[in-house]
Protein backbone atom coordinates (compact mmCIF):
# COMPACT_ATOMS: atom_id res chain seq x y z
CA UNK A 1 21.45 -16.46 24.02
CA UNK A 2 21.54 -16.25 20.08
CA UNK A 3 21.54 -12.32 20.31
CA UNK A 4 24.88 -12.62 21.78
CA UNK A 5 26.15 -13.46 18.26
CA UNK A 6 25.80 -9.92 17.31
CA UNK A 7 27.49 -7.93 19.82
CA UNK A 8 30.71 -8.19 17.65
CA UNK A 9 29.31 -6.29 14.83
CA UNK A 10 26.72 -3.95 16.46
CA UNK A 11 26.79 -1.42 19.18
CA UNK A 12 24.67 -2.50 22.30
CA UNK A 13 22.29 0.49 21.59
CA UNK A 14 21.58 -1.40 18.29
CA UNK A 15 20.36 -4.45 20.02
CA UNK A 16 17.02 -4.99 21.78
CA UNK A 17 16.58 -8.23 23.80
CA UNK A 18 14.75 -9.72 26.78
CA UNK A 19 12.37 -7.49 28.70
CA UNK A 20 13.26 -4.67 26.17
CA UNK A 21 11.36 -6.38 23.48
CA UNK A 22 7.94 -5.56 25.45
CA UNK A 23 8.03 -2.00 24.35
CA UNK A 24 8.16 -3.32 20.59
CA UNK A 25 5.39 -4.50 18.58
CA UNK A 26 4.80 -6.21 15.08
CA UNK A 27 2.06 -3.70 13.87
CA UNK A 28 1.03 -0.19 14.59
CA UNK A 29 -2.57 -1.24 15.27
CA UNK A 30 -1.08 -3.82 17.87
CA UNK A 31 1.06 -1.65 20.08
CA UNK A 32 -0.42 -3.37 23.14
CA UNK A 33 1.06 -6.70 22.17
CA UNK A 34 4.71 -7.18 22.99
CA UNK A 35 7.04 -8.33 20.27
CA UNK A 36 8.04 -12.04 20.20
CA UNK A 37 11.61 -12.49 19.06
CA UNK A 38 15.11 -13.58 20.06
CA UNK A 39 16.10 -10.28 19.66
CA UNK A 40 15.52 -7.01 17.31
CA UNK A 41 18.54 -5.49 15.70
CA UNK A 42 18.75 -1.91 14.10
CA UNK A 43 21.76 -1.83 11.66
CA UNK A 44 22.70 1.56 10.17
CA UNK A 45 24.12 0.60 6.96
CA UNK A 46 23.81 -2.13 4.29
CA UNK A 47 27.21 -3.68 5.32
CA UNK A 48 25.60 -4.09 8.96
CA UNK A 49 22.73 -5.81 7.42
CA UNK A 50 25.07 -8.12 5.32
CA UNK A 51 26.91 -9.09 8.59
CA UNK A 52 23.70 -9.81 10.31
CA UNK A 53 22.53 -12.08 7.52
CA UNK A 54 25.75 -13.94 7.50
CA UNK A 55 25.55 -14.86 11.19
CA UNK A 56 21.77 -15.76 10.79
CA UNK A 57 22.85 -18.05 7.73
CA UNK A 58 25.53 -19.71 9.60
CA UNK A 59 23.26 -20.57 12.63
CA UNK A 60 19.98 -21.06 10.79
CA UNK A 61 18.18 -18.21 12.41
CA UNK A 62 15.01 -17.14 10.88
CA UNK A 63 14.63 -13.38 10.03
CA UNK A 64 11.81 -10.95 9.75
CA UNK A 65 12.30 -7.17 8.67
CA UNK A 66 10.44 -4.65 10.33
CA UNK A 67 9.79 -1.31 8.56
CA UNK A 68 6.98 1.26 9.25
CA UNK A 69 4.63 -1.84 10.37
CA UNK A 70 1.56 -0.64 8.37
CA UNK A 71 1.08 -3.72 6.42
CA UNK A 72 -2.36 -5.34 6.69
CA UNK A 73 -1.68 -8.97 5.76
CA UNK A 74 0.58 -10.25 8.76
CA UNK A 75 3.89 -9.89 6.79
CA UNK A 76 5.62 -8.78 9.89
CA UNK A 77 4.20 -11.13 12.28
CA UNK A 78 6.59 -13.06 14.42
CA UNK A 79 6.35 -16.31 16.59
CA UNK A 80 9.52 -15.93 18.85
CA UNK A 81 12.29 -17.92 17.36
CA UNK A 82 13.19 -15.13 14.84
CA UNK A 83 15.65 -12.22 14.64
CA UNK A 84 13.86 -9.06 13.95
CA UNK A 85 15.84 -6.54 11.62
CA UNK A 86 14.28 -3.07 12.10
CA UNK A 87 15.19 -0.52 9.30
CA UNK A 88 14.64 2.53 11.34
CA UNK A 89 18.06 3.67 11.47
CA UNK A 90 18.57 3.15 7.72
CA UNK A 91 16.89 6.59 7.39
CA UNK A 92 19.09 8.72 5.14
CA UNK A 93 18.24 10.52 2.08
CA UNK A 94 21.66 10.15 0.38
CA UNK A 95 21.15 12.33 -2.81
CA UNK A 96 18.45 14.25 -4.88
CA UNK A 97 19.53 14.65 -8.49
CA UNK A 98 17.36 17.26 -10.10
CA UNK A 99 18.97 16.71 -13.39
CA UNK A 100 18.18 12.98 -13.64
CA UNK A 101 14.92 13.61 -11.37
CA UNK A 102 16.04 10.83 -8.89
CA UNK A 103 16.26 10.40 -5.16
CA UNK A 104 18.72 7.94 -3.60
CA UNK A 105 17.41 6.75 -0.10
CA UNK A 106 18.14 4.24 2.69
CA UNK A 107 15.18 1.74 3.12
CA UNK A 108 14.01 3.36 6.53
CA UNK A 109 13.24 6.64 5.03
CA UNK A 110 9.64 7.41 5.78
CA UNK A 111 7.46 8.20 2.68
CA UNK A 112 6.03 11.52 3.92
CA UNK A 113 9.85 12.74 4.27
CA UNK A 114 10.47 11.70 0.78
CA UNK A 115 7.54 13.89 -0.24
CA UNK A 116 8.81 16.75 1.76
CA UNK A 117 12.28 16.23 0.30
CA UNK A 118 11.07 16.20 -3.29
CA UNK A 119 8.80 19.20 -2.70
CA UNK A 120 11.69 21.11 -1.47
CA UNK A 121 13.48 20.60 -4.83
CA UNK A 122 10.14 21.37 -6.91
CA UNK A 123 9.99 17.76 -7.53
CA UNK A 124 7.34 15.06 -6.93
CA UNK A 125 7.32 11.55 -5.74
CA UNK A 126 3.97 10.58 -6.75
CA UNK A 127 3.33 7.47 -4.48
CA UNK A 128 0.90 8.66 -1.90
CA UNK A 129 -1.54 6.87 0.55
CA UNK A 130 -2.95 7.37 3.87
CA UNK A 131 -0.09 5.57 5.95
CA UNK A 132 2.56 7.95 4.39
CA UNK A 133 3.47 9.40 7.80
CA UNK A 134 4.45 5.83 9.19
CA UNK A 135 5.28 3.72 6.07
CA UNK A 136 9.04 3.31 5.12
CA UNK A 137 10.25 2.94 1.81
CA UNK A 138 11.76 -0.39 2.14
CA UNK A 139 8.48 -1.87 3.19
CA UNK A 140 6.69 0.03 0.56
CA UNK A 141 9.05 -1.52 -2.20
CA UNK A 142 8.83 -5.15 -0.49
CA UNK A 143 5.11 -4.93 -0.84
CA UNK A 144 4.86 -2.91 -4.27
CA UNK A 145 2.31 -0.68 -2.74
CA UNK A 146 -0.09 1.31 -4.65
CA UNK A 147 -2.13 3.98 -3.32
CA UNK A 148 -4.15 7.12 -4.71
CA UNK A 149 -2.37 7.86 -7.95
CA UNK A 150 -1.79 4.45 -9.62
CA UNK A 151 -3.82 5.58 -12.36
CA UNK A 152 -1.36 8.27 -13.54
CA UNK A 153 2.02 7.08 -12.19
CA UNK A 154 1.68 3.18 -11.64
CA UNK A 155 2.58 0.94 -8.63
CA UNK A 156 5.75 1.37 -6.79
CA UNK A 157 7.33 -1.12 -9.13
CA UNK A 158 7.23 1.68 -11.85
CA UNK A 159 8.90 4.44 -9.63
CA UNK A 160 12.19 2.13 -8.85
CA UNK A 161 15.07 2.81 -10.92
CA UNK A 162 17.80 1.15 -8.70
CA UNK A 163 17.81 -1.12 -5.95
CA UNK A 164 20.18 -2.57 -3.44
CA UNK A 165 19.32 -5.69 -1.34
CA UNK A 166 21.21 -8.25 1.04
CA UNK A 167 20.37 -11.61 0.22
CA UNK A 168 19.91 -14.67 2.84
CA UNK A 169 23.76 -15.43 3.08
CA UNK A 170 24.79 -11.73 3.28
CA UNK A 171 25.61 -11.26 -0.31
CA UNK A 172 24.93 -7.51 -1.34
CA UNK A 173 22.97 -7.42 -4.63
CA UNK A 174 23.51 -3.83 -5.95
CA UNK A 175 21.82 -2.44 -9.20
CA UNK A 176 21.99 1.28 -8.04
CA UNK A 177 21.47 3.02 -11.61
CA UNK A 178 19.57 6.14 -12.49
CA UNK A 179 18.64 5.16 -15.92
CA UNK A 180 15.30 4.41 -17.08
CA UNK A 181 16.10 2.10 -19.87
CA UNK A 182 18.38 -1.04 -19.11
CA UNK A 183 17.31 -4.03 -21.21
CA UNK A 184 20.58 -6.04 -20.34
CA UNK A 185 18.94 -9.38 -19.58
CA UNK A 186 16.92 -9.82 -16.35
CA UNK A 187 15.90 -7.09 -14.22
CA UNK A 188 17.17 -8.35 -11.01
CA UNK A 189 15.72 -5.61 -8.88
CA UNK A 190 12.29 -6.65 -9.68
CA UNK A 191 12.62 -10.05 -7.79
CA UNK A 192 12.74 -7.86 -4.53
CA UNK A 193 9.78 -5.63 -5.52
CA UNK A 194 6.77 -7.15 -4.12
CA UNK A 195 8.24 -10.20 -2.67
CA UNK A 196 7.34 -9.17 0.90
CA UNK A 197 11.07 -9.87 2.28
CA UNK A 198 11.03 -13.45 1.38
CA UNK A 199 13.67 -13.25 -1.27
CA UNK A 200 15.96 -10.51 0.32
CA UNK A 201 16.25 -7.43 2.21
CA UNK A 202 15.96 -4.23 0.61
CA UNK A 203 18.47 -1.63 1.91
CA UNK A 204 18.75 1.32 -0.41
CA UNK A 205 16.76 2.48 -3.62
CA UNK A 206 16.66 5.13 -6.42
CA UNK A 207 13.32 6.65 -6.78
CA UNK A 208 11.90 7.94 -9.89
CA UNK A 209 10.81 11.52 -9.50
CA UNK A 210 8.51 13.77 -11.57
CA UNK A 211 8.48 17.54 -11.94
CA UNK A 212 6.39 19.03 -9.20
CA UNK A 213 2.84 20.04 -10.44
CA UNK A 214 1.94 23.68 -10.46
CA UNK A 215 -1.79 23.06 -9.95
CA UNK A 216 -3.97 20.61 -8.30
CA UNK A 217 -7.65 20.50 -8.48
CA UNK A 218 -10.16 18.03 -7.02
CA UNK A 219 -13.96 17.42 -6.79
CA UNK A 220 -16.59 14.97 -5.26
CA UNK A 221 -19.18 13.82 -7.49
CA UNK A 222 -22.36 12.07 -6.87
CA UNK A 223 -23.86 9.26 -8.98
CA UNK A 224 -26.73 6.79 -8.76
CA UNK A 225 -25.57 3.89 -11.02
CA UNK A 226 -22.10 2.26 -11.46
CA UNK A 227 -22.20 2.48 -15.40
CA UNK A 228 -22.18 6.29 -15.25
CA UNK A 229 -19.18 6.13 -12.84
CA UNK A 230 -17.26 4.33 -15.53
CA UNK A 231 -18.29 6.46 -18.38
CA UNK A 232 -17.50 9.62 -16.24
CA UNK A 233 -13.86 8.20 -15.86
CA UNK A 234 -13.28 7.87 -19.50
CA UNK A 235 -14.80 11.33 -20.12
CA UNK A 236 -12.53 13.08 -17.47
CA UNK A 237 -9.36 11.09 -18.42
CA UNK A 238 -9.92 11.88 -22.12
CA UNK A 239 -10.57 15.66 -21.85
CA UNK A 240 -7.91 16.27 -19.07
CA UNK A 241 -5.21 14.84 -21.62
CA UNK A 242 -3.08 13.13 -19.04
CA UNK A 243 -3.66 15.41 -15.91
CA UNK A 244 -6.08 12.95 -14.27
CA UNK A 245 -4.15 11.56 -11.34
CA UNK A 246 -6.91 10.16 -8.98
CA UNK A 247 -10.28 8.51 -9.16
CA UNK A 248 -11.46 7.20 -6.10
CA UNK A 249 -14.98 5.69 -5.58
CA UNK A 250 -16.84 5.36 -2.25
CA UNK A 251 -20.18 3.67 -1.62
CA UNK A 252 -22.97 5.60 -0.13
CA UNK A 253 -23.13 3.91 3.35
CA UNK A 254 -19.04 4.32 3.44
CA UNK A 255 -19.31 7.96 2.58
CA UNK A 256 -21.80 8.65 5.29
CA UNK A 257 -19.85 7.01 7.87
CA UNK A 258 -16.73 8.58 6.80
CA UNK A 259 -18.26 12.16 6.87
CA UNK A 260 -20.34 11.92 10.08
CA UNK A 261 -17.75 11.53 12.85
CA UNK A 262 -16.47 15.18 13.00
CA UNK A 263 -16.42 18.65 11.54
CA UNK A 264 -13.08 17.92 9.98
CA UNK A 265 -14.77 15.53 7.62
CA UNK A 266 -18.24 17.24 7.13
CA UNK A 267 -19.88 15.87 3.77
CA UNK A 268 -18.94 18.00 0.56
CA UNK A 269 -22.12 16.59 -0.84
CA UNK A 270 -25.41 15.65 0.85
CA UNK A 271 -26.27 11.85 1.13
CA UNK A 272 -28.43 11.60 -1.82
CA UNK A 273 -26.49 9.38 -4.06
CA UNK A 274 -25.43 5.75 -4.16
CA UNK A 275 -21.85 6.22 -5.35
CA UNK A 276 -19.55 9.32 -4.75
CA UNK A 277 -16.10 9.87 -6.61
CA UNK A 278 -13.52 11.82 -5.66
CA UNK A 279 -11.23 13.01 -8.45
CA UNK A 280 -7.87 14.66 -8.56
CA UNK A 281 -6.08 16.45 -11.59
CA UNK A 282 -2.40 17.75 -11.37
CA UNK A 283 -1.19 20.19 -14.01
CA UNK A 284 1.06 22.95 -14.73
CA UNK A 285 -1.26 26.11 -15.18
CA UNK A 286 -3.11 26.98 -12.03
CA UNK A 287 -5.67 29.50 -13.65
CA UNK A 288 -6.14 27.64 -16.99
CA UNK A 289 -6.30 24.15 -15.25
CA UNK A 290 -8.99 25.17 -12.61
CA UNK A 291 -11.03 26.88 -15.30
CA UNK A 292 -10.89 23.71 -17.54
CA UNK A 293 -11.64 21.47 -14.63
CA UNK A 294 -14.52 23.55 -13.65
CA UNK A 295 -16.03 23.63 -17.22
CA UNK A 296 -15.67 19.87 -17.53
CA UNK A 297 -17.76 19.53 -14.38
CA UNK A 298 -20.34 22.02 -15.57
CA UNK A 299 -20.57 20.26 -18.99
CA UNK A 300 -20.89 16.88 -17.33
CA UNK A 301 -23.90 18.09 -15.39
CA UNK A 302 -25.47 19.74 -18.31
CA UNK A 303 -25.10 16.58 -20.20
CA UNK A 304 -26.61 14.40 -17.48
CA UNK A 305 -23.25 12.49 -17.02
CA UNK A 306 -23.15 13.24 -13.39
CA UNK A 307 -25.84 14.16 -10.79
CA UNK A 308 -24.03 16.61 -8.62
CA UNK A 309 -20.41 18.03 -7.96
CA UNK A 310 -18.72 20.21 -5.49
CA UNK A 311 -15.31 21.47 -6.57
CA UNK A 312 -12.41 22.44 -3.90
CA UNK A 313 -11.76 25.90 -4.22
CA UNK A 314 -8.50 26.16 -1.95
CA UNK A 315 -5.56 24.00 -0.67
CA UNK A 316 -7.60 23.47 2.55
CA UNK A 317 -10.57 22.24 0.68
CA UNK A 318 -8.61 19.53 -1.21
CA UNK A 319 -6.96 18.34 2.30
CA UNK A 320 -10.53 18.15 3.50
CA UNK A 321 -11.60 16.17 0.64
CA UNK A 322 -8.64 13.56 0.79
CA UNK A 323 -8.88 13.40 4.45
CA UNK A 324 -12.42 11.81 4.06
CA UNK A 325 -11.07 9.27 1.93
CA UNK A 326 -7.80 8.56 3.65
CA UNK A 327 -8.95 8.35 7.41
CA UNK A 328 -10.14 4.89 7.64
CA UNK A 329 -10.08 5.18 11.39
CA UNK A 330 -13.52 6.72 11.02
CA UNK A 331 -14.82 3.36 10.12
CA UNK A 332 -12.61 0.96 12.11
CA UNK A 333 -12.95 2.98 15.34
CA UNK A 334 -16.76 2.21 15.41
CA UNK A 335 -16.36 -1.47 14.81
CA UNK A 336 -16.26 -3.97 17.54
CA UNK A 337 -13.84 -6.24 15.48
CA UNK A 338 -12.61 -5.36 11.71
CA UNK A 339 -11.68 -7.49 8.93
CA UNK A 340 -9.95 -5.93 5.92
CA UNK A 341 -9.93 -6.83 2.14
CA UNK A 342 -7.98 -5.23 -0.60
CA UNK A 343 -9.30 -6.88 -4.10
CA UNK A 344 -8.79 -6.37 -7.66
CA UNK A 345 -11.20 -6.86 -10.42
CA UNK A 346 -11.77 -5.74 -13.95
CA UNK A 347 -13.51 -2.42 -13.90
CA UNK A 348 -16.71 -3.42 -15.67
CA UNK A 349 -17.52 -6.05 -13.08
CA UNK A 350 -17.05 -3.96 -9.91
CA UNK A 351 -20.57 -2.51 -9.71
CA UNK A 352 -22.38 -5.77 -9.68
CA UNK A 353 -19.55 -7.80 -7.83
CA UNK A 354 -19.59 -5.33 -4.72
CA UNK A 355 -23.38 -5.09 -4.80
CA UNK A 356 -23.79 -9.02 -4.34
CA UNK A 357 -21.21 -9.01 -1.74
CA UNK A 358 -23.12 -6.22 0.22
CA UNK A 359 -26.32 -8.53 -0.01
CA UNK A 360 -24.23 -11.96 0.78
CA UNK A 361 -22.41 -10.39 3.56
CA UNK A 362 -25.55 -8.86 5.41
CA UNK A 363 -26.79 -12.49 5.68
CA UNK A 364 -23.88 -13.69 7.66
CA UNK A 365 -24.60 -13.90 11.29
CA UNK A 366 -21.88 -11.95 13.17
CA UNK A 367 -21.48 -9.35 10.26
CA UNK A 368 -22.34 -5.74 11.83
CA UNK A 369 -21.11 -3.28 9.30
CA UNK A 370 -20.09 -3.33 5.59
CA UNK A 371 -18.22 -0.66 3.95
CA UNK A 372 -16.53 -0.34 0.29
CA UNK A 373 -14.28 2.24 -1.31
CA UNK A 374 -11.41 2.15 -3.41
CA UNK A 375 -9.13 3.03 -6.46
CA UNK A 376 -11.83 2.19 -9.25
CA UNK A 377 -9.75 3.41 -11.97
CA UNK A 378 -7.23 0.60 -11.32
CA UNK A 379 -9.70 -1.91 -10.28
CA UNK A 380 -8.83 -1.95 -6.68
CA UNK A 381 -11.58 -2.13 -4.19
CA UNK A 382 -11.25 -2.25 -0.24
CA UNK A 383 -13.82 -3.93 2.04
CA UNK A 384 -14.00 -3.17 5.57
CA UNK A 385 -16.15 -5.57 7.63
CA UNK A 386 -17.15 -4.93 11.11
CA UNK A 387 -18.08 -7.99 13.10
CA UNK A 388 -19.20 -9.21 16.61
CA UNK A 389 -16.52 -11.80 17.60
CA UNK A 390 -13.29 -13.20 16.42
CA UNK A 391 -14.53 -16.54 15.76
CA UNK A 392 -12.32 -18.27 13.20
CA UNK A 393 -15.46 -19.89 11.21
CA UNK A 394 -16.99 -16.39 10.92
CA UNK A 395 -13.47 -15.11 9.48
CA UNK A 396 -13.53 -17.79 6.83
CA UNK A 397 -17.30 -17.47 5.94
CA UNK A 398 -16.56 -13.46 5.41
CA UNK A 399 -13.21 -14.65 3.49
CA UNK A 400 -15.21 -16.83 0.90
CA UNK A 401 -17.65 -14.34 0.40
CA UNK A 402 -15.38 -11.84 -0.61
CA UNK A 403 -12.89 -14.04 -2.50
CA UNK A 404 -14.76 -16.87 -4.09
CA UNK A 405 -15.97 -14.99 -7.21
CA UNK A 406 -12.84 -13.56 -8.21
CA UNK A 407 -11.23 -16.35 -9.85
CA UNK A 408 -14.01 -16.64 -12.71
CA UNK A 409 -13.76 -12.94 -13.54
CA UNK A 410 -10.00 -12.65 -13.53
CA UNK A 411 -9.70 -10.76 -10.22
CA UNK A 412 -6.87 -11.04 -7.39
CA UNK A 413 -7.33 -11.42 -3.54
CA UNK A 414 -4.44 -8.80 -3.19
CA UNK A 415 -4.37 -5.64 -5.33
CA UNK A 416 -1.78 -3.69 -3.37
CA UNK A 417 -1.12 -5.25 0.30
CA UNK A 418 0.59 -8.45 -0.65
CA UNK A 419 -0.22 -11.93 0.72
CA UNK A 420 1.50 -12.34 4.09
CA UNK A 421 0.23 -14.88 6.34
CA UNK A 422 -3.62 -13.85 6.12
CA UNK A 423 -3.97 -14.68 2.48
CA UNK A 424 -1.94 -17.75 1.92
CA UNK A 425 -4.94 -20.11 1.64
CA UNK A 426 -6.31 -18.06 -1.19
CA UNK A 427 -3.30 -17.53 -3.25
CA UNK A 428 -4.35 -20.27 -5.80
CA UNK A 429 -7.50 -18.15 -6.54
CA UNK A 430 -5.51 -15.72 -8.38
CA UNK A 431 -2.32 -17.49 -9.38
CA UNK A 432 -2.22 -20.82 -11.56
CA UNK A 433 -0.63 -23.96 -10.06
CA UNK A 434 2.14 -23.53 -12.49
CA UNK A 435 2.84 -19.98 -11.25
CA UNK A 436 2.98 -21.07 -7.72
CA UNK A 437 5.50 -23.87 -8.45
CA UNK A 438 7.51 -21.49 -10.18
CA UNK A 439 7.56 -19.02 -7.35
CA UNK A 440 8.33 -21.66 -4.89
CA UNK A 441 11.27 -22.80 -7.04
CA UNK A 442 12.53 -19.17 -7.05
CA UNK A 443 12.11 -18.96 -3.22
CA UNK A 444 14.08 -22.34 -2.77
CA UNK A 445 16.76 -21.01 -5.15
CA UNK A 446 17.34 -17.71 -3.34
CA UNK A 447 16.68 -18.88 0.31
CA UNK A 448 17.38 -22.68 0.29
CA UNK A 449 17.19 -22.66 4.08
CA UNK A 450 13.77 -20.76 4.23
CA UNK A 451 15.09 -18.21 6.84
CA UNK A 452 13.68 -14.98 5.12
CA UNK A 453 10.33 -14.01 6.41
CA UNK A 454 9.22 -17.74 6.95
CA UNK A 455 5.72 -18.79 6.68
CA UNK A 456 4.65 -15.66 4.35
CA UNK A 457 3.07 -15.99 1.13
CA UNK A 458 3.17 -20.02 0.87
């Protein structure tokens, strides 16, 4: 068997094969489906990843990398003929440098552990999303994840200063610098960020940290028309002078479902409005920031900018507010079958586009539930569709309903989850033929045998 090739470079405890693979899976939502693979390897160093890749390259073995297994586009799916590399043992935080405000981590470190380590040093790694307790930083980098604070801090791409990756032939590419400015020709690390493991395997990174905020304020706001949502975004961003860190939009029926399943997610505002916005502001003066935030909300109500608002009065209130937005299981658990979307479109088009999709989806036989919510400040909206069956024709009808109008308005079929296998057919809706040709040329140059995460993206 091919896994015998790895016994000379790895300890037996680092190799999973045969029936032992039945305890493994390709996604945390499919834990009942045994992993299909030649074997699963658990390297504990960059050098071990390099040695694995040299063997795979020599013997033409396809490779799929597994991190936290939280992706939503099939990027970690396997067919049975691959070697799976799990980064779970690459889990060390190697250094926190509070002077340069950086953290050096191996690729298997879980995002929540990064948050905790940063906080213990009065620093902040601002990337944040619901799967932070499972998602690993290597997968986060490989998919250029976004999340709840892109408005203020940008995507993952903006938070990586240095990177180490292993190429298909085992070559180690190391650009582990802590500097922010480096215009010495091509920024090679960017090739690996967002490439979904198709160009190389991320093994280490230097993360850009921020000073930890001393205040955090949040509120839910009610609106009845989308134009007022956009106007309020500009109003708050302008008056908070850089403190606005989150601006989440939830459609009414989504809000009703998200807040009706238990007391832990009880509704902060009544079900009287078409749109609900969750805003967050991070600052440095707790009393002053709280007073300023409250004053802005009061003024907005007096000026008829908003219809209603409730402000968090404690850290537990803030946790409650964000639990509503982040726990998508409160939607998925009540669906017979679910289909997820992660689209991006210019902010002015969001109101009409989503309203049209609600109407069109409701006319498709087999669609049972339609929920929309998202990071409206960066144009990223998520759809979750509940449906009666897994018929392929139904899936395609829903896909086309969501995607077909995006090209005309300059949108994207993937705002933050990537392409994987599930969105390959729609890449041409948001990338020009010339861009795709260039991407394929880059893939061919860096992975001439097509061994890295084969079948993904193209």
